[in-house]
Every structure is written in C-alpha cells, then in structure tokens.
Amino acid sequence: MKKILAFAAAGLLMVGFVGCNEKSNASKEAQEAMDSLSMLLGDQIGMGMAQQMLSKDSTADLNEAFRGLEFIANADTSKSFAAGMEFGMYIAQMYNGIEEQFGMPINKTVFVEHLRKAFTSATPLTQEQMMKMQEDQMKQQETVQRLQDRIMAESPKAKANKEAGKKYMSKLKNDKSYKFTKSGLAYKVLAEGEGKNFSDTDVVKVNYVGRHIDGSEFDKSGDQPTSFDLQQVVPGFAEMIQMMKPGSKVTVVIPGELAYGAQGHRGVIEPFETLVFDIETLGVDDAPKRPQIAMPQGR
C-alpha cells in the first residue's frame, strides 16, 4: 500500500509541476494530462488495493468493498464533513470489533440515536469541565464492564466453554490422584516441597506451562522463571500457589470463573475457558520491586 500511495503522490507532484510551469498553455493540454493521470492512478491503485484485500480474505466481495470505497471517494471534501467521515470509519471498525468479541452485533439504532444527541449538542469545554467529564466516564466504565460481562456470560462461546469445562472436571473426579477445593479447583501434587506455604502478599518465582483442556499450550515461563505478585494474578492461580511451598510441583485445573472469566484474555483465552497449569514454585522473589506481570498471559 505504501508503494501505491507513493506512486499516487508522485503523480500529483507531476500535475503540480505542469500547473506551475505551463500556465501560459491552453488548459486543454493540462486537462488531458490530468485525465490520463487519473486513468493511470485508478488502474494502479485499484489493482493494488484489491490485491491487498484479497491477500487478507480471498473470498472478499470486491463489488461490495467498492461500494464503500466509492462512497468515501465521492464524498464532500469540506473539513468538517471529512472529519466526520474519519470518525465514522472508526465507528465502523468498532462495530466489527464488538461483533467479533461478543458474537452479536451492536444495536445500531440505539447507538446512533444516543451518538447523535451527544455529538450535536456538544460545546467546547473548559479544562475543569473536561476533567469532570473524564471522571464521569471512568465511573461509567464500571457499568460498561458489568454489561459486557453479562453479554459474554450468555454468549454461545461462553456457554460451550462452561459445558466443556464441566465435562473435563467430571472426568477428573474418577482420577484418584486429583484433589478438589471448595472453590472448584482440581489439582494433582507432583512434589510436596519444603518450608512454609506462600501468602497472598508474596511475589513468587515459578516455572509454569499453561494449556487449554485439549492439551494445546498457550503460555509458559520459558528458560527463566517468572515472578508473580499473588495479588495481581487470576484467583485460581493465586489460590493454588498459596497451597504450595518452595519446591512444590502441581498440575492444577482452573475453571473459567476462577481464571479469566467472561472477558477471556487477549484473544488467547476464550470466555469462561477452563485452563490447566503445570506449576513449580521456586521461592519468594526478594528482588527490588519492578513492574508486576498482571497474570499468566498468552505470548
């Protein structure tokens, strides 16, 4: 795409050169040159954009894509309208992102109605008013989070993951090597370790591997141990480590409610997905405080 746009820019510079240096000539020659340039740029950019789209989705509907492209290309070019179009493209991307995340589309009628009211009634704010608005939005974010969790909890993907997790846990109940906690963890002790159990205020050095219940790996500590602040990890992970001592090794199965819950994690962990961790604790990390790793993450 950069090469295509660079070519377009070069073409426009050429037109500028003709306009500046041949003002005494009749406009017919300039118009013919512009027509030829327009044709050439249309061919070049059209082919490049189509190939870029097809490289991402070989089944893309190019006629449908062109309808959107043509609408923007022929739109009013006033600054205000162009700014609105830019915001509109952002919202269109948001629509797609929400549908991908929640498995259902946003209610566009309700959204646009409230968007119009908020957008068209706005006036410039003072610095104090801006800060107040930001504070209000931070408070509203809690409500947004609750609503997102409700939607995700009822999504087909979440329900399927809950059911798969229950079936996986029920099989483990026939395995005498596993123990179960009141909270819902299932764990198997591979090595007891020595010393005192870790507390919830500890930063603990661990080696670990995280797996989906189908056995595929989504994360691991690698060649060097990882330190976790137990107040900053998912509840099931923190609970398990507090049941361990330095040198302990376990395999623990964490149900979705005690793992990443309704939100999942970065496209790696699905909503309410049950996870399996192999954990080896090495001891408390007494090194100076540094930015904490919030939780085991997909890499």
Protein backbone atom coordinates (compact mmCIF):
# COMPACT_ATOMS: atom_id res chain seq x y z
CA MET A 1 0.00 0.00 0.00
CA LYS A 2 2.84 2.41 0.76
CA LYS A 3 4.22 1.91 -2.74
CA ILE A 4 0.79 2.58 -4.22
CA LEU A 5 0.33 5.78 -2.25
CA ALA A 6 3.87 6.86 -3.06
CA PHE A 7 3.11 6.44 -6.74
CA ALA A 8 -0.06 8.50 -6.33
CA ALA A 9 1.88 11.24 -4.57
CA ALA A 10 4.45 11.29 -7.35
CA GLY A 11 1.66 11.66 -9.87
CA LEU A 12 0.14 14.57 -8.00
CA LEU A 13 3.52 16.27 -7.82
CA MET A 14 3.82 15.90 -11.56
CA VAL A 15 0.46 17.61 -12.00
CA GLY A 16 1.64 20.41 -9.72
CA PHE A 17 4.76 20.82 -11.87
CA VAL A 18 2.70 21.09 -15.04
CA GLY A 19 0.38 23.62 -13.44
CA CYS A 20 3.20 25.83 -12.21
CA ASN A 21 5.36 25.81 -15.32
CA GLU A 22 2.88 25.78 -18.16
CA LYS A 23 0.34 28.39 -17.07
CA SER A 24 0.59 30.12 -20.45
CA ASN A 25 -0.55 26.97 -22.28
CA ALA A 26 -4.19 26.28 -23.01
CA SER A 27 -5.95 24.33 -20.22
CA LYS A 28 -6.85 21.57 -22.71
CA GLU A 29 -3.35 20.04 -22.51
CA ALA A 30 -3.40 20.15 -18.71
CA GLN A 31 -6.86 18.57 -18.63
CA GLU A 32 -5.79 15.83 -21.00
CA ALA A 33 -2.74 15.15 -18.83
CA MET A 34 -4.96 15.07 -15.72
CA ASP A 35 -7.38 12.68 -17.41
CA SER A 36 -4.51 10.38 -18.37
CA LEU A 37 -3.05 10.57 -14.86
CA SER A 38 -6.46 9.87 -13.33
CA MET A 39 -6.86 6.80 -15.51
CA LEU A 40 -3.37 5.50 -14.68
CA LEU A 41 -3.74 6.11 -10.95
CA GLY A 42 -7.16 4.43 -10.98
CA ASP A 43 -5.68 1.34 -12.62
CA GLN A 44 -2.65 1.18 -10.36
CA ILE A 45 -4.33 1.93 -7.03
CA GLY A 46 -7.42 -0.15 -7.82
CA MET A 47 -5.35 -3.24 -8.56
CA GLY A 48 -3.11 -2.72 -5.54
CA MET A 49 -6.00 -2.23 -3.10
CA ALA A 50 -7.84 -5.27 -4.47
CA GLN A 51 -4.76 -7.46 -4.06
CA GLN A 52 -4.22 -6.17 -0.53
CA MET A 53 -7.80 -7.05 0.41
CA LEU A 54 -7.68 -10.47 -1.28
CA SER A 55 -4.42 -11.31 0.48
CA LYS A 56 -6.27 -10.98 3.79
CA ASP A 57 -9.53 -12.58 2.65
CA SER A 58 -9.53 -14.48 -0.64
CA THR A 59 -13.35 -14.64 -0.56
CA ALA A 60 -13.83 -10.88 -0.15
CA ASP A 61 -16.72 -9.36 -2.14
CA LEU A 62 -14.86 -6.76 -4.21
CA ASN A 63 -18.06 -5.19 -5.57
CA GLU A 64 -19.37 -4.65 -2.05
CA ALA A 65 -15.99 -3.28 -0.96
CA PHE A 66 -16.02 -0.87 -3.89
CA ARG A 67 -19.43 0.50 -2.83
CA GLY A 68 -17.87 1.64 0.43
CA LEU A 69 -14.74 2.91 -1.29
CA GLU A 70 -16.76 4.85 -3.87
CA PHE A 71 -18.95 6.43 -1.20
CA ILE A 72 -15.89 7.85 0.56
CA ALA A 73 -14.07 8.78 -2.66
CA ASN A 74 -17.03 10.83 -3.97
CA ALA A 75 -17.96 12.39 -0.64
CA ASP A 76 -17.99 16.08 0.24
CA THR A 77 -14.43 17.22 0.92
CA SER A 78 -15.20 20.02 3.41
CA LYS A 79 -13.05 19.79 6.53
CA SER A 80 -15.97 19.16 8.88
CA PHE A 81 -17.51 16.50 6.68
CA ALA A 82 -14.14 14.82 6.16
CA ALA A 83 -13.55 14.79 9.93
CA GLY A 84 -16.96 13.21 10.40
CA MET A 85 -16.13 10.55 7.82
CA GLU A 86 -12.93 9.77 9.71
CA PHE A 87 -14.87 9.31 12.95
CA GLY A 88 -17.42 7.22 11.05
CA MET A 89 -14.72 4.85 9.84
CA TYR A 90 -13.57 4.44 13.44
CA ILE A 91 -17.13 3.58 14.49
CA ALA A 92 -17.46 1.07 11.65
CA GLN A 93 -14.33 -0.65 12.91
CA MET A 94 -15.78 -0.59 16.43
CA TYR A 95 -18.95 -2.31 15.15
CA ASN A 96 -16.87 -5.12 13.70
CA GLY A 97 -14.75 -5.42 16.83
CA ILE A 98 -17.80 -5.65 19.09
CA GLU A 99 -19.42 -8.32 16.95
CA GLU A 100 -16.21 -10.36 16.91
CA GLN A 101 -15.80 -10.04 20.68
CA PHE A 102 -19.38 -10.68 21.76
CA GLY A 103 -20.66 -12.84 18.91
CA MET A 104 -23.58 -10.49 18.25
CA PRO A 105 -23.92 -7.04 16.62
CA ILE A 106 -24.36 -3.76 18.46
CA ASN A 107 -27.84 -2.20 18.38
CA LYS A 108 -27.04 0.45 15.76
CA THR A 109 -30.41 2.23 16.11
CA VAL A 110 -29.96 2.83 19.83
CA PHE A 111 -26.27 3.61 19.47
CA VAL A 112 -26.65 6.16 16.66
CA GLU A 113 -29.60 7.87 18.40
CA HIS A 114 -27.54 8.50 21.53
CA LEU A 115 -24.45 9.27 19.47
CA ARG A 116 -26.34 12.00 17.55
CA LYS A 117 -27.64 13.62 20.73
CA ALA A 118 -24.25 13.63 22.43
CA PHE A 119 -22.37 14.69 19.30
CA THR A 120 -24.57 17.51 18.00
CA SER A 121 -25.27 19.09 21.40
CA ALA A 122 -21.61 19.31 22.42
CA THR A 123 -19.93 22.68 23.07
CA PRO A 124 -16.27 23.46 23.80
CA LEU A 125 -15.39 22.53 27.40
CA THR A 126 -13.13 24.28 29.86
CA GLN A 127 -10.22 22.34 31.33
CA GLU A 128 -12.20 21.86 34.54
CA GLN A 129 -15.25 20.60 32.65
CA MET A 130 -13.06 18.25 30.62
CA MET A 131 -11.62 16.74 33.79
CA LYS A 132 -15.12 16.30 35.24
CA MET A 133 -16.26 14.55 32.05
CA GLN A 134 -13.29 12.19 32.22
CA GLU A 135 -14.09 11.38 35.87
CA ASP A 136 -17.70 10.61 34.93
CA GLN A 137 -16.55 8.37 32.09
CA MET A 138 -14.28 6.47 34.47
CA LYS A 139 -17.25 5.81 36.76
CA GLN A 140 -19.39 4.75 33.80
CA GLN A 141 -16.71 2.28 32.78
CA GLU A 142 -17.69 0.06 35.71
CA THR A 143 -21.23 -0.11 34.34
CA VAL A 144 -19.88 -0.80 30.87
CA GLN A 145 -17.78 -3.66 32.27
CA ARG A 146 -20.78 -5.20 34.05
CA LEU A 147 -22.86 -5.06 30.88
CA GLN A 148 -20.04 -6.60 28.84
CA ASP A 149 -19.74 -9.42 31.36
CA ARG A 150 -23.49 -10.09 31.17
CA ILE A 151 -23.37 -10.27 27.38
CA MET A 152 -20.29 -12.50 27.35
CA ALA A 153 -21.72 -14.85 30.00
CA GLU A 154 -24.72 -15.55 27.76
CA SER A 155 -22.78 -15.88 24.52
CA PRO A 156 -22.79 -19.26 22.73
CA LYS A 157 -19.00 -19.43 23.05
CA ALA A 158 -19.10 -18.89 26.84
CA LYS A 159 -21.84 -21.47 27.32
CA ALA A 160 -19.93 -24.00 25.22
CA ASN A 161 -16.74 -23.40 27.23
CA LYS A 162 -18.60 -23.77 30.54
CA GLU A 163 -20.07 -27.07 29.40
CA ALA A 164 -16.70 -28.34 28.14
CA GLY A 165 -15.10 -27.35 31.45
CA LYS A 166 -17.74 -29.23 33.47
CA LYS A 167 -17.22 -32.38 31.40
CA TYR A 168 -13.45 -32.13 31.83
CA MET A 169 -13.79 -31.69 35.60
CA SER A 170 -16.23 -34.60 35.90
CA LYS A 171 -13.68 -36.93 34.27
CA LEU A 172 -11.05 -35.87 36.81
CA LYS A 173 -13.31 -36.97 39.66
CA ASN A 174 -12.64 -40.54 38.56
CA ASP A 175 -8.89 -39.93 38.85
CA LYS A 176 -7.87 -40.59 42.48
CA SER A 177 -4.67 -38.55 42.07
CA TYR A 178 -6.67 -35.31 41.89
CA LYS A 179 -7.99 -33.35 44.87
CA PHE A 180 -10.71 -30.70 44.76
CA THR A 181 -11.05 -27.43 46.64
CA LYS A 182 -14.32 -25.89 47.81
CA SER A 183 -13.83 -23.08 45.29
CA GLY A 184 -13.70 -25.55 42.38
CA LEU A 185 -10.01 -26.12 41.64
CA ALA A 186 -8.79 -29.61 40.78
CA TYR A 187 -5.12 -30.30 41.45
CA LYS A 188 -2.59 -33.11 41.50
CA VAL A 189 0.53 -32.86 43.67
CA LEU A 190 3.72 -33.98 41.89
CA ALA A 191 6.18 -32.78 44.56
CA GLU A 192 5.40 -31.53 48.08
CA GLY A 193 8.21 -29.01 48.56
CA GLU A 194 9.53 -27.79 51.91
CA GLY A 195 9.05 -24.85 54.25
CA LYS A 196 6.09 -22.53 54.74
CA ASN A 197 3.20 -22.03 52.37
CA PHE A 198 3.24 -18.81 50.36
CA SER A 199 0.97 -15.94 51.42
CA ASP A 200 -1.21 -13.69 49.29
CA THR A 201 1.25 -10.81 49.75
CA ASP A 202 4.19 -12.70 48.28
CA VAL A 203 5.85 -12.25 44.91
CA VAL A 204 6.62 -15.84 43.96
CA LYS A 205 9.13 -17.20 41.44
CA VAL A 206 7.65 -20.01 39.38
CA ASN A 207 8.17 -22.17 36.35
CA TYR A 208 4.88 -22.86 34.63
CA VAL A 209 3.17 -24.07 31.50
CA GLY A 210 -0.42 -23.07 30.66
CA ARG A 211 -2.58 -25.34 28.50
CA HIS A 212 -6.09 -25.47 27.13
CA ILE A 213 -8.10 -28.56 28.09
CA ASP A 214 -7.43 -30.00 24.63
CA GLY A 215 -3.75 -30.14 25.64
CA SER A 216 -2.51 -27.31 23.42
CA GLU A 217 -0.12 -24.87 25.07
CA PHE A 218 -0.92 -21.15 25.28
CA ASP A 219 1.79 -19.86 27.61
CA LYS A 220 4.91 -20.83 29.57
CA SER A 221 7.67 -19.27 31.65
CA GLY A 222 10.40 -20.39 29.27
CA ASP A 223 14.08 -20.75 30.15
CA GLN A 224 13.88 -18.33 33.09
CA PRO A 225 11.41 -18.44 36.00
CA THR A 226 8.69 -15.79 36.14
CA SER A 227 7.77 -13.79 39.25
CA PHE A 228 4.10 -13.20 40.05
CA ASP A 229 2.56 -10.87 42.60
CA LEU A 230 -0.21 -13.07 44.01
CA GLN A 231 -2.49 -10.04 44.35
CA GLN A 232 -2.23 -9.44 40.61
CA VAL A 233 -2.95 -12.88 39.15
CA VAL A 234 -6.22 -14.66 38.35
CA PRO A 235 -7.95 -16.02 41.50
CA GLY A 236 -7.43 -19.73 40.81
CA PHE A 237 -3.71 -19.27 40.14
CA ALA A 238 -3.25 -17.30 43.37
CA GLU A 239 -5.25 -19.83 45.40
CA MET A 240 -3.17 -22.74 44.13
CA ILE A 241 0.18 -21.11 44.86
CA GLN A 242 -0.89 -20.31 48.42
CA MET A 243 -1.41 -24.03 48.92
CA MET A 244 2.19 -24.68 47.83
CA LYS A 245 5.67 -24.41 49.37
CA PRO A 246 9.07 -23.72 47.80
CA GLY A 247 9.93 -26.69 45.60
CA SER A 248 6.32 -27.80 45.14
CA LYS A 249 5.12 -29.06 41.77
CA VAL A 250 1.45 -29.43 40.83
CA THR A 251 -0.90 -29.73 37.91
CA VAL A 252 -3.97 -27.59 38.56
CA VAL A 253 -7.19 -27.27 36.59
CA ILE A 254 -8.81 -23.83 36.96
CA PRO A 255 -12.47 -23.40 35.94
CA GLY A 256 -13.29 -20.33 33.85
CA GLU A 257 -14.94 -18.49 36.76
CA LEU A 258 -11.60 -18.58 38.64
CA ALA A 259 -9.49 -17.91 35.55
CA TYR A 260 -10.22 -15.13 33.03
CA GLY A 261 -13.99 -15.16 33.42
CA ALA A 262 -16.37 -13.56 30.95
CA GLN A 263 -13.75 -11.40 29.25
CA GLY A 264 -11.22 -14.07 28.37
CA HIS A 265 -7.76 -12.76 27.63
CA ARG A 266 -6.28 -11.08 24.54
CA GLY A 267 -7.84 -13.46 22.07
CA VAL A 268 -5.78 -16.32 23.54
CA ILE A 269 -8.20 -17.38 26.29
CA GLU A 270 -11.90 -17.60 25.41
CA PRO A 271 -14.72 -16.51 27.78
CA PHE A 272 -15.14 -18.90 30.74
CA GLU A 273 -12.49 -21.25 29.41
CA THR A 274 -11.20 -23.89 31.84
CA LEU A 275 -7.38 -23.91 31.95
CA VAL A 276 -4.66 -26.33 33.03
CA PHE A 277 -1.37 -25.19 34.58
CA ASP A 278 1.75 -27.15 35.47
CA ILE A 279 3.38 -25.08 38.23
CA GLU A 280 6.71 -25.39 40.04
CA THR A 281 7.35 -22.88 42.83
CA LEU A 282 10.97 -21.84 43.42
CA GLY A 283 10.55 -19.41 46.32
CA VAL A 284 9.75 -15.81 47.19
CA ASP A 285 11.28 -13.16 44.96
CA ASP A 286 13.09 -10.76 47.28
CA ALA A 287 14.46 -8.62 44.45
CA PRO A 288 13.58 -4.90 44.41
CA LYS A 289 10.06 -4.18 43.23
CA ARG A 290 9.66 -3.83 39.47
CA PRO A 291 6.64 -3.59 37.17
CA GLN A 292 4.50 -6.59 38.01
CA ILE A 293 3.22 -9.10 35.49
CA ALA A 294 -0.52 -8.94 35.98
CA MET A 295 -1.27 -12.58 35.23
CA PRO A 296 -0.12 -15.54 33.16
CA GLN A 297 -0.53 -14.33 29.57
CA GLY A 298 -0.52 -15.70 26.07
CA ARG A 299 2.58 -14.67 24.16
